[in-house]
Amino acid sequence: MKEILATSLAYVVLNVPTTAMVVDGSCNATDQWVNISWPVSNATDTTYNNMVFIFHNNATTKTYSLQNLNISLAAEVFPNASSTEPVELWHGSGWQTPLATSYRCAPATQLNMTADSTSVVATLTLSQLQEEAFRNSTNKSFSAARECGGNDVPDAVPIAVGCALGGLVVVVLVAYLVGRRRSAARGYLSM
């Protein structure tokens, strides 16, 4: 007799509520992080979900980047799951932003999340996101924003286009001079 393994698949959609609060963080010179926490709505006791953004400052390039995004979801979020342990998810490095600039992403951006368990697959959708780490200003509004989506053109692109156009001008100039010399050698006079 064969043993049949029963498996089930469930989808859970979670929204971080507007009541989520910053409960902890660190603001040192090389790494900064912020922990955002919110209570689980269907929990019998006071159980919290947490989302931690970790940023790294690169002094050489004068940029900072999202180094890690860690999420801990309480077991109560998954009512039919067999595990009573929280689900730990993380995403590796992400966007890079110049210092003294905020990062803004109004359209929905999806990040693939990783978990220790192979039975957990998660995608985090961020929308209406704006953040700024390693800030030196005391102003309460964000600095000029860098938009998500990679609209920045690397420095190599304008340099390559300029070199190609410069090369084209040289080729056209050489062709003109060679053509003029040949016509002069045949005895044609220029007017």
N, C-alpha and C. Protein backbone atom coordinates (compact mmCIF):
# COMPACT_ATOMS: atom_id res chain seq x y z
N MET A 1 0.83 -1.16 0.00
CA MET A 1 0.00 0.00 0.00
C MET A 1 0.89 1.24 0.00
N LYS A 2 0.58 2.19 -0.87
CA LYS A 2 1.33 3.43 -0.98
C LYS A 2 0.80 4.46 0.00
N GLU A 3 1.75 5.20 0.58
CA GLU A 3 1.35 6.29 1.46
C GLU A 3 1.23 7.57 0.63
N ILE A 4 0.14 8.24 0.78
CA ILE A 4 -0.10 9.47 0.04
C ILE A 4 0.21 10.65 0.94
N LEU A 5 1.05 11.53 0.44
CA LEU A 5 1.43 12.72 1.18
C LEU A 5 0.48 13.86 0.80
N ALA A 6 -0.19 14.38 1.78
CA ALA A 6 -1.13 15.47 1.52
C ALA A 6 -0.40 16.81 1.65
N THR A 7 -0.55 17.62 0.66
CA THR A 7 0.04 18.96 0.72
C THR A 7 -1.05 19.97 0.38
N SER A 8 -0.87 21.14 0.88
CA SER A 8 -1.83 22.20 0.57
C SER A 8 -1.06 23.47 0.27
N LEU A 9 -1.70 24.31 -0.46
CA LEU A 9 -1.11 25.57 -0.85
C LEU A 9 -2.05 26.68 -0.41
N ALA A 10 -1.49 27.69 0.22
CA ALA A 10 -2.32 28.79 0.68
C ALA A 10 -1.64 30.11 0.31
N TYR A 11 -2.44 31.08 -0.03
CA TYR A 11 -1.95 32.41 -0.33
C TYR A 11 -2.37 33.34 0.79
N VAL A 12 -1.46 34.13 1.24
CA VAL A 12 -1.76 35.10 2.28
C VAL A 12 -1.31 36.47 1.76
N VAL A 13 -2.21 37.42 1.79
CA VAL A 13 -1.90 38.78 1.39
C VAL A 13 -1.92 39.63 2.65
N LEU A 14 -0.80 40.28 2.93
CA LEU A 14 -0.70 41.13 4.11
C LEU A 14 -0.41 42.55 3.69
N ASN A 15 -1.01 43.47 4.35
CA ASN A 15 -0.72 44.89 4.15
C ASN A 15 -0.16 45.44 5.45
N VAL A 16 0.89 46.22 5.35
CA VAL A 16 1.40 46.89 6.54
C VAL A 16 0.42 48.01 6.85
N PRO A 17 -0.18 47.99 8.03
CA PRO A 17 -1.20 49.00 8.33
C PRO A 17 -0.58 50.38 8.56
N THR A 18 -1.40 51.38 8.45
CA THR A 18 -0.93 52.75 8.69
C THR A 18 -0.57 52.97 10.15
N THR A 19 -0.98 52.07 11.02
CA THR A 19 -0.65 52.17 12.44
C THR A 19 0.71 51.56 12.77
N ALA A 20 1.41 51.02 11.79
CA ALA A 20 2.73 50.44 12.02
C ALA A 20 3.65 51.53 12.58
N MET A 21 4.53 51.12 13.48
CA MET A 21 5.38 52.10 14.15
C MET A 21 6.85 51.71 14.05
N VAL A 22 7.69 52.72 14.06
CA VAL A 22 9.13 52.49 14.16
C VAL A 22 9.41 52.20 15.62
N VAL A 23 9.91 51.00 15.93
CA VAL A 23 10.13 50.62 17.33
C VAL A 23 11.60 50.62 17.71
N ASP A 24 12.48 50.60 16.72
CA ASP A 24 13.90 50.55 17.03
C ASP A 24 14.69 50.95 15.79
N GLY A 25 15.94 51.29 15.97
CA GLY A 25 16.78 51.64 14.84
C GLY A 25 18.17 52.01 15.30
N SER A 26 19.04 52.23 14.34
CA SER A 26 20.41 52.62 14.62
C SER A 26 20.88 53.57 13.53
N CYS A 27 21.60 54.60 13.92
CA CYS A 27 22.07 55.61 12.96
C CYS A 27 23.57 55.80 13.09
N ASN A 28 24.37 54.78 12.79
CA ASN A 28 25.81 55.01 12.83
C ASN A 28 26.31 55.39 11.44
N ALA A 29 27.60 55.61 11.29
CA ALA A 29 28.15 56.18 10.05
C ALA A 29 28.20 55.21 8.88
N THR A 30 28.30 53.91 9.13
CA THR A 30 28.44 52.97 8.02
C THR A 30 27.19 52.13 7.76
N ASP A 31 26.47 51.76 8.80
CA ASP A 31 25.26 50.96 8.64
C ASP A 31 24.14 51.56 9.48
N GLN A 32 22.98 51.69 8.86
CA GLN A 32 21.81 52.20 9.57
C GLN A 32 20.66 51.22 9.35
N TRP A 33 19.81 51.09 10.34
CA TRP A 33 18.65 50.22 10.19
C TRP A 33 17.47 50.79 10.96
N VAL A 34 16.30 50.38 10.50
CA VAL A 34 15.07 50.80 11.15
C VAL A 34 14.14 49.58 11.20
N ASN A 35 13.51 49.38 12.38
CA ASN A 35 12.60 48.26 12.59
C ASN A 35 11.18 48.80 12.67
N ILE A 36 10.34 48.37 11.75
CA ILE A 36 8.93 48.77 11.71
C ILE A 36 8.10 47.59 12.20
N SER A 37 7.20 47.83 13.13
CA SER A 37 6.44 46.76 13.76
C SER A 37 4.96 47.09 13.76
N TRP A 38 4.13 46.04 13.66
CA TRP A 38 2.68 46.20 13.73
C TRP A 38 2.07 44.93 14.32
N PRO A 39 0.97 45.08 15.06
CA PRO A 39 0.36 43.91 15.70
C PRO A 39 -0.37 43.02 14.70
N VAL A 40 -0.42 41.73 15.02
CA VAL A 40 -1.16 40.77 14.21
C VAL A 40 -2.63 40.92 14.59
N SER A 41 -3.48 41.10 13.60
CA SER A 41 -4.89 41.42 13.88
C SER A 41 -5.68 40.24 14.44
N ASN A 42 -5.35 39.02 14.06
CA ASN A 42 -6.15 37.88 14.52
C ASN A 42 -5.47 37.10 15.64
N ALA A 43 -4.47 37.67 16.30
CA ALA A 43 -3.76 36.97 17.38
C ALA A 43 -4.53 37.12 18.69
N THR A 44 -4.44 36.07 19.53
CA THR A 44 -5.12 36.10 20.82
C THR A 44 -4.34 36.92 21.84
N ASP A 45 -3.03 37.00 21.67
CA ASP A 45 -2.22 37.84 22.56
C ASP A 45 -1.58 38.96 21.73
N THR A 46 -0.74 39.73 22.35
CA THR A 46 -0.10 40.84 21.64
C THR A 46 1.11 40.28 20.89
N THR A 47 0.92 39.92 19.63
CA THR A 47 1.96 39.38 18.78
C THR A 47 2.21 40.39 17.67
N TYR A 48 3.48 40.55 17.31
CA TYR A 48 3.85 41.57 16.33
C TYR A 48 4.56 40.98 15.12
N ASN A 49 4.35 41.61 13.98
CA ASN A 49 5.15 41.37 12.78
C ASN A 49 6.20 42.47 12.73
N ASN A 50 7.35 42.16 12.15
CA ASN A 50 8.44 43.14 12.07
C ASN A 50 9.03 43.18 10.67
N MET A 51 9.42 44.37 10.26
CA MET A 51 10.11 44.57 8.99
C MET A 51 11.31 45.47 9.27
N VAL A 52 12.51 44.97 8.94
CA VAL A 52 13.74 45.70 9.23
C VAL A 52 14.44 46.04 7.92
N PHE A 53 14.65 47.35 7.70
CA PHE A 53 15.42 47.84 6.55
C PHE A 53 16.83 48.13 7.04
N ILE A 54 17.84 47.56 6.37
CA ILE A 54 19.24 47.78 6.74
C ILE A 54 19.93 48.44 5.55
N PHE A 55 20.54 49.60 5.81
CA PHE A 55 21.21 50.38 4.77
C PHE A 55 22.72 50.43 5.03
N HIS A 56 23.50 50.47 3.96
CA HIS A 56 24.96 50.53 4.07
C HIS A 56 25.48 51.76 3.33
N ASN A 57 26.39 52.48 3.97
CA ASN A 57 27.00 53.68 3.40
C ASN A 57 28.33 53.31 2.74
N ASN A 58 28.50 53.66 1.46
CA ASN A 58 29.76 53.45 0.76
C ASN A 58 30.43 54.82 0.64
N ALA A 59 31.41 55.09 1.49
CA ALA A 59 32.07 56.39 1.52
C ALA A 59 32.87 56.65 0.25
N THR A 60 33.35 55.59 -0.41
CA THR A 60 34.14 55.74 -1.62
C THR A 60 33.30 56.30 -2.77
N THR A 61 32.13 55.71 -2.99
CA THR A 61 31.27 56.13 -4.10
C THR A 61 30.27 57.21 -3.69
N LYS A 62 30.25 57.55 -2.38
CA LYS A 62 29.32 58.54 -1.83
C LYS A 62 27.87 58.17 -2.13
N THR A 63 27.57 56.88 -1.93
CA THR A 63 26.22 56.37 -2.11
C THR A 63 25.86 55.51 -0.90
N TYR A 64 24.57 55.25 -0.76
CA TYR A 64 24.11 54.26 0.20
C TYR A 64 23.16 53.32 -0.52
N SER A 65 23.02 52.13 0.03
CA SER A 65 22.16 51.14 -0.63
C SER A 65 21.40 50.33 0.42
N LEU A 66 20.32 49.73 -0.03
CA LEU A 66 19.60 48.79 0.81
C LEU A 66 20.47 47.53 0.87
N GLN A 67 20.94 47.19 2.06
CA GLN A 67 21.78 46.01 2.20
C GLN A 67 20.93 44.77 2.43
N ASN A 68 19.93 44.87 3.29
CA ASN A 68 19.03 43.75 3.57
C ASN A 68 17.66 44.28 3.93
N LEU A 69 16.66 43.48 3.65
CA LEU A 69 15.30 43.73 4.09
C LEU A 69 14.84 42.44 4.73
N ASN A 70 14.62 42.46 6.04
CA ASN A 70 14.23 41.27 6.79
C ASN A 70 12.81 41.44 7.30
N ILE A 71 12.03 40.38 7.15
CA ILE A 71 10.64 40.40 7.63
C ILE A 71 10.41 39.17 8.50
N SER A 72 9.80 39.40 9.65
CA SER A 72 9.42 38.31 10.54
C SER A 72 7.91 38.37 10.72
N LEU A 73 7.24 37.32 10.25
CA LEU A 73 5.77 37.26 10.34
C LEU A 73 5.38 36.23 11.39
N ALA A 74 4.53 36.63 12.30
CA ALA A 74 4.08 35.74 13.37
C ALA A 74 3.31 34.56 12.79
N ALA A 75 3.36 33.42 13.48
CA ALA A 75 2.68 32.21 13.02
C ALA A 75 1.17 32.41 12.93
N GLU A 76 0.62 33.34 13.72
CA GLU A 76 -0.83 33.60 13.70
C GLU A 76 -1.30 34.18 12.37
N VAL A 77 -0.38 34.70 11.58
CA VAL A 77 -0.73 35.24 10.26
C VAL A 77 -1.18 34.10 9.34
N PHE A 78 -0.69 32.89 9.61
CA PHE A 78 -1.00 31.71 8.79
C PHE A 78 -1.84 30.75 9.62
N PRO A 79 -3.15 30.94 9.66
CA PRO A 79 -4.00 30.19 10.58
C PRO A 79 -4.03 28.68 10.33
N ASN A 80 -3.84 28.22 9.13
CA ASN A 80 -3.92 26.79 8.84
C ASN A 80 -2.56 26.11 8.74
N ALA A 81 -1.50 26.82 9.08
CA ALA A 81 -0.16 26.25 8.98
C ALA A 81 0.10 25.32 10.16
N SER A 82 0.93 24.32 9.92
CA SER A 82 1.25 23.36 10.98
C SER A 82 2.34 23.88 11.92
N SER A 83 3.13 24.84 11.47
CA SER A 83 4.22 25.37 12.28
C SER A 83 3.73 26.48 13.20
N THR A 84 4.32 26.53 14.38
CA THR A 84 3.99 27.61 15.33
C THR A 84 5.12 28.61 15.42
N GLU A 85 6.12 28.45 14.59
CA GLU A 85 7.27 29.36 14.57
C GLU A 85 7.00 30.53 13.61
N PRO A 86 7.55 31.70 13.89
CA PRO A 86 7.41 32.82 12.96
C PRO A 86 8.10 32.48 11.63
N VAL A 87 7.61 33.08 10.55
CA VAL A 87 8.20 32.90 9.23
C VAL A 87 9.19 34.03 9.02
N GLU A 88 10.45 33.67 8.78
CA GLU A 88 11.51 34.65 8.57
C GLU A 88 11.79 34.76 7.07
N LEU A 89 11.70 35.96 6.53
CA LEU A 89 11.95 36.22 5.11
C LEU A 89 13.01 37.30 4.99
N TRP A 90 13.77 37.27 3.91
CA TRP A 90 14.74 38.33 3.69
C TRP A 90 14.97 38.55 2.20
N HIS A 91 15.45 39.74 1.91
CA HIS A 91 15.82 40.13 0.55
C HIS A 91 17.20 40.75 0.65
N GLY A 92 18.09 40.39 -0.26
CA GLY A 92 19.46 40.91 -0.24
C GLY A 92 19.53 42.35 -0.71
N SER A 93 20.68 42.73 -1.17
CA SER A 93 20.92 44.13 -1.51
C SER A 93 19.96 44.61 -2.59
N GLY A 94 19.65 45.89 -2.50
CA GLY A 94 18.68 46.48 -3.43
C GLY A 94 19.18 47.79 -3.99
N TRP A 95 18.33 48.76 -4.04
CA TRP A 95 18.59 50.02 -4.71
C TRP A 95 19.79 50.75 -4.12
N GLN A 96 20.45 51.53 -4.97
CA GLN A 96 21.60 52.35 -4.58
C GLN A 96 21.25 53.81 -4.86
N THR A 97 21.57 54.68 -3.91
CA THR A 97 21.16 56.07 -3.99
C THR A 97 22.32 56.97 -3.56
N PRO A 98 22.54 58.10 -4.23
CA PRO A 98 23.58 59.04 -3.78
C PRO A 98 23.24 59.58 -2.39
N LEU A 99 24.27 59.87 -1.60
CA LEU A 99 24.05 60.47 -0.29
C LEU A 99 23.34 61.81 -0.46
N ALA A 100 22.61 62.22 0.56
CA ALA A 100 21.82 63.46 0.57
C ALA A 100 20.71 63.44 -0.48
N THR A 101 20.27 62.24 -0.83
CA THR A 101 19.18 62.04 -1.78
C THR A 101 18.25 60.97 -1.21
N SER A 102 16.96 61.15 -1.40
CA SER A 102 16.03 60.11 -0.97
C SER A 102 15.74 59.18 -2.14
N TYR A 103 15.17 58.02 -1.83
CA TYR A 103 14.79 57.05 -2.85
C TYR A 103 13.27 56.97 -2.83
N ARG A 104 12.64 57.15 -3.99
CA ARG A 104 11.18 57.14 -4.06
C ARG A 104 10.73 56.19 -5.15
N CYS A 105 9.71 55.41 -4.82
CA CYS A 105 9.15 54.48 -5.78
C CYS A 105 7.64 54.49 -5.61
N ALA A 106 6.95 55.28 -6.42
CA ALA A 106 5.50 55.36 -6.33
C ALA A 106 4.82 54.13 -6.92
N PRO A 107 5.24 53.64 -8.10
CA PRO A 107 4.58 52.44 -8.63
C PRO A 107 4.99 51.21 -7.83
N ALA A 108 4.17 50.21 -7.88
CA ALA A 108 4.43 48.97 -7.15
C ALA A 108 5.70 48.30 -7.66
N THR A 109 6.59 47.94 -6.73
CA THR A 109 7.84 47.27 -7.04
C THR A 109 7.86 45.95 -6.29
N GLN A 110 8.14 44.86 -6.98
CA GLN A 110 8.14 43.56 -6.34
C GLN A 110 9.55 43.09 -6.03
N LEU A 111 9.72 42.57 -4.82
CA LEU A 111 10.99 41.99 -4.38
C LEU A 111 10.75 40.53 -4.06
N ASN A 112 11.56 39.65 -4.60
CA ASN A 112 11.47 38.23 -4.26
C ASN A 112 12.13 38.00 -2.92
N MET A 113 11.41 37.38 -2.03
CA MET A 113 11.90 37.14 -0.68
C MET A 113 12.41 35.69 -0.56
N THR A 114 13.36 35.48 0.32
CA THR A 114 13.95 34.17 0.56
C THR A 114 13.60 33.73 1.97
N ALA A 115 13.44 32.43 2.16
CA ALA A 115 13.15 31.88 3.48
C ALA A 115 14.00 30.65 3.70
N ASP A 116 14.17 30.27 4.98
CA ASP A 116 14.91 29.04 5.29
C ASP A 116 14.16 27.82 4.79
N SER A 117 12.87 27.85 4.88
CA SER A 117 12.05 26.72 4.46
C SER A 117 11.81 26.77 2.95
N THR A 118 11.96 25.65 2.29
CA THR A 118 11.71 25.61 0.85
C THR A 118 10.22 25.61 0.55
N SER A 119 9.40 25.41 1.57
CA SER A 119 7.95 25.40 1.34
C SER A 119 7.36 26.80 1.39
N VAL A 120 8.17 27.80 1.67
CA VAL A 120 7.69 29.17 1.75
C VAL A 120 8.23 29.96 0.56
N VAL A 121 7.33 30.53 -0.21
CA VAL A 121 7.69 31.39 -1.33
C VAL A 121 6.96 32.71 -1.10
N ALA A 122 7.70 33.80 -1.17
CA ALA A 122 7.07 35.08 -0.89
C ALA A 122 7.57 36.16 -1.84
N THR A 123 6.67 37.07 -2.13
CA THR A 123 6.99 38.26 -2.91
C THR A 123 6.48 39.45 -2.11
N LEU A 124 7.35 40.43 -1.94
CA LEU A 124 6.97 41.65 -1.25
C LEU A 124 6.73 42.72 -2.29
N THR A 125 5.58 43.35 -2.23
CA THR A 125 5.26 44.44 -3.14
C THR A 125 5.31 45.74 -2.36
N LEU A 126 6.22 46.60 -2.76
CA LEU A 126 6.35 47.92 -2.13
C LEU A 126 5.71 48.95 -3.05
N SER A 127 4.87 49.80 -2.50
CA SER A 127 4.30 50.89 -3.29
C SER A 127 4.24 52.13 -2.41
N GLN A 128 4.31 53.27 -3.04
CA GLN A 128 4.32 54.55 -2.33
C GLN A 128 5.46 54.59 -1.30
N LEU A 129 6.63 54.09 -1.71
CA LEU A 129 7.81 54.03 -0.84
C LEU A 129 8.67 55.27 -1.04
N GLN A 130 9.09 55.88 0.05
CA GLN A 130 10.12 56.91 -0.01
C GLN A 130 10.94 56.79 1.27
N GLU A 131 12.26 56.69 1.11
CA GLU A 131 13.14 56.55 2.26
C GLU A 131 14.41 57.36 2.03
N GLU A 132 15.06 57.70 3.12
CA GLU A 132 16.34 58.40 3.04
C GLU A 132 17.17 58.03 4.26
N ALA A 133 18.31 57.40 4.03
CA ALA A 133 19.23 57.03 5.10
C ALA A 133 20.44 57.95 5.06
N PHE A 134 21.22 57.93 6.14
CA PHE A 134 22.46 58.71 6.25
C PHE A 134 22.19 60.20 5.99
N ARG A 135 21.16 60.69 6.59
CA ARG A 135 20.72 62.07 6.40
C ARG A 135 21.44 62.99 7.39
N ASN A 136 21.93 64.12 6.90
CA ASN A 136 22.62 65.10 7.75
C ASN A 136 21.76 66.31 8.05
N SER A 137 20.67 66.48 7.36
CA SER A 137 19.82 67.66 7.51
C SER A 137 18.83 67.48 8.66
N THR A 138 18.49 68.57 9.31
CA THR A 138 17.47 68.53 10.36
C THR A 138 16.09 68.86 9.81
N ASN A 139 16.01 69.17 8.53
CA ASN A 139 14.74 69.46 7.88
C ASN A 139 13.86 68.21 7.95
N LYS A 140 12.56 68.38 8.15
CA LYS A 140 11.67 67.22 8.31
C LYS A 140 11.15 66.67 7.00
N SER A 141 11.45 67.31 5.88
CA SER A 141 11.00 66.78 4.59
C SER A 141 12.15 66.04 3.92
N PHE A 142 11.80 65.17 2.96
CA PHE A 142 12.80 64.39 2.25
C PHE A 142 13.65 65.28 1.36
N SER A 143 14.88 64.86 1.11
CA SER A 143 15.74 65.53 0.13
C SER A 143 15.23 65.20 -1.27
N ALA A 144 15.86 65.80 -2.28
CA ALA A 144 15.48 65.52 -3.67
C ALA A 144 15.47 64.00 -3.87
N ALA A 145 14.49 63.52 -4.59
CA ALA A 145 14.31 62.07 -4.72
C ALA A 145 14.91 61.52 -6.00
N ARG A 146 15.45 60.34 -5.88
CA ARG A 146 15.87 59.55 -7.04
C ARG A 146 14.76 58.54 -7.27
N GLU A 147 14.22 58.53 -8.47
CA GLU A 147 13.09 57.65 -8.77
C GLU A 147 13.56 56.23 -9.03
N CYS A 148 12.74 55.28 -8.68
CA CYS A 148 13.07 53.88 -8.94
C CYS A 148 12.91 53.57 -10.42
N GLY A 149 13.38 52.42 -10.82
CA GLY A 149 13.21 52.01 -12.21
C GLY A 149 14.46 52.10 -13.03
N GLY A 150 15.56 52.55 -12.45
CA GLY A 150 16.82 52.57 -13.17
C GLY A 150 16.86 53.54 -14.33
N ASN A 151 16.26 54.71 -14.16
CA ASN A 151 16.28 55.70 -15.23
C ASN A 151 17.62 56.41 -15.36
N ASP A 152 18.52 56.15 -14.43
CA ASP A 152 19.83 56.79 -14.49
C ASP A 152 20.66 56.15 -15.59
N VAL A 153 21.34 56.97 -16.35
CA VAL A 153 22.20 56.49 -17.43
C VAL A 153 23.62 56.41 -16.88
N PRO A 154 24.28 55.26 -17.01
CA PRO A 154 25.65 55.17 -16.53
C PRO A 154 26.57 56.13 -17.28
N ASP A 155 27.67 56.53 -16.64
CA ASP A 155 28.61 57.47 -17.25
C ASP A 155 29.23 56.92 -18.54
N ALA A 156 29.34 55.63 -18.67
CA ALA A 156 29.98 55.03 -19.85
C ALA A 156 29.16 55.26 -21.12
N VAL A 157 27.85 55.37 -21.00
CA VAL A 157 27.00 55.53 -22.19
C VAL A 157 27.27 56.86 -22.89
N PRO A 158 27.24 58.02 -22.23
CA PRO A 158 27.53 59.26 -22.94
C PRO A 158 28.97 59.30 -23.48
N ILE A 159 29.90 58.70 -22.76
CA ILE A 159 31.29 58.67 -23.23
C ILE A 159 31.39 57.86 -24.51
N ALA A 160 30.74 56.69 -24.54
CA ALA A 160 30.78 55.84 -25.73
C ALA A 160 30.12 56.52 -26.92
N VAL A 161 28.98 57.18 -26.70
CA VAL A 161 28.29 57.89 -27.79
C VAL A 161 29.16 59.03 -28.30
N GLY A 162 29.78 59.79 -27.40
CA GLY A 162 30.67 60.87 -27.81
C GLY A 162 31.86 60.38 -28.61
N CYS A 163 32.47 59.28 -28.18
CA CYS A 163 33.60 58.70 -28.93
C CYS A 163 33.16 58.23 -30.31
N ALA A 164 31.99 57.60 -30.40
CA ALA A 164 31.50 57.12 -31.69
C ALA A 164 31.24 58.30 -32.63
N LEU A 165 30.63 59.36 -32.15
CA LEU A 165 30.39 60.53 -32.98
C LEU A 165 31.69 61.21 -33.39
N GLY A 166 32.65 61.29 -32.46
CA GLY A 166 33.95 61.85 -32.78
C GLY A 166 34.65 61.04 -33.86
N GLY A 167 34.58 59.71 -33.74
CA GLY A 167 35.18 58.83 -34.75
C GLY A 167 34.52 59.01 -36.10
N LEU A 168 33.21 59.18 -36.11
CA LEU A 168 32.47 59.38 -37.36
C LEU A 168 32.89 60.70 -38.03
N VAL A 169 33.07 61.75 -37.25
CA VAL A 169 33.52 63.03 -37.80
C VAL A 169 34.91 62.86 -38.42
N VAL A 170 35.81 62.15 -37.76
CA VAL A 170 37.15 61.93 -38.29
C VAL A 170 37.09 61.14 -39.60
N VAL A 171 36.27 60.09 -39.67
CA VAL A 171 36.13 59.28 -40.89
C VAL A 171 35.60 60.15 -42.03
N VAL A 172 34.58 60.98 -41.80
CA VAL A 172 34.02 61.83 -42.84
C VAL A 172 35.06 62.85 -43.30
N LEU A 173 35.81 63.44 -42.38
CA LEU A 173 36.84 64.42 -42.73
C LEU A 173 37.95 63.77 -43.56
N VAL A 174 38.39 62.58 -43.18
CA VAL A 174 39.43 61.87 -43.95
C VAL A 174 38.91 61.53 -45.34
N ALA A 175 37.67 61.06 -45.44
CA ALA A 175 37.10 60.71 -46.75
C ALA A 175 37.00 61.96 -47.64
N TYR A 176 36.63 63.08 -47.08
CA TYR A 176 36.55 64.33 -47.85
C TYR A 176 37.92 64.73 -48.37
N LEU A 177 38.93 64.69 -47.51
CA LEU A 177 40.27 65.09 -47.92
C LEU A 177 40.85 64.14 -48.97
N VAL A 178 40.61 62.83 -48.82
CA VAL A 178 41.08 61.87 -49.82
C VAL A 178 40.37 62.12 -51.15
N GLY A 179 39.08 62.34 -51.13
CA GLY A 179 38.32 62.61 -52.35
C GLY A 179 38.78 63.88 -53.02
N ARG A 180 39.08 64.90 -52.27
CA ARG A 180 39.54 66.17 -52.83
C ARG A 180 40.93 66.01 -53.46
N ARG A 181 41.79 65.25 -52.79
CA ARG A 181 43.13 65.04 -53.33
C ARG A 181 43.06 64.27 -54.64
N ARG A 182 42.20 63.24 -54.72
CA ARG A 182 42.07 62.47 -55.96
C ARG A 182 41.54 63.33 -57.10
N SER A 183 40.56 64.16 -56.78
CA SER A 183 40.01 65.01 -57.85
C SER A 183 41.05 66.03 -58.32
N ALA A 184 41.88 66.52 -57.42
CA ALA A 184 42.93 67.46 -57.81
C ALA A 184 44.00 66.77 -58.65
N ALA A 185 44.27 65.49 -58.35
CA ALA A 185 45.28 64.74 -59.12
C ALA A 185 44.79 64.46 -60.53
N ARG A 186 43.51 64.42 -60.79
CA ARG A 186 42.97 64.15 -62.12
C ARG A 186 42.92 65.42 -62.97
N GLY A 187 43.19 66.53 -62.38
CA GLY A 187 43.24 67.75 -63.13
C GLY A 187 41.99 68.60 -63.05
N TYR A 188 41.05 68.23 -62.22
CA TYR A 188 39.87 69.07 -62.06
C TYR A 188 40.20 70.26 -61.20
N LEU A 189 39.70 71.38 -61.57
CA LEU A 189 39.92 72.59 -60.80
C LEU A 189 38.73 72.83 -59.87
N SER A 190 39.04 73.31 -58.71
CA SER A 190 37.96 73.63 -57.79
C SER A 190 37.58 75.09 -57.99
N MET A 191 36.35 75.42 -57.87
CA MET A 191 35.89 76.77 -58.09
C MET A 191 35.66 77.47 -56.79
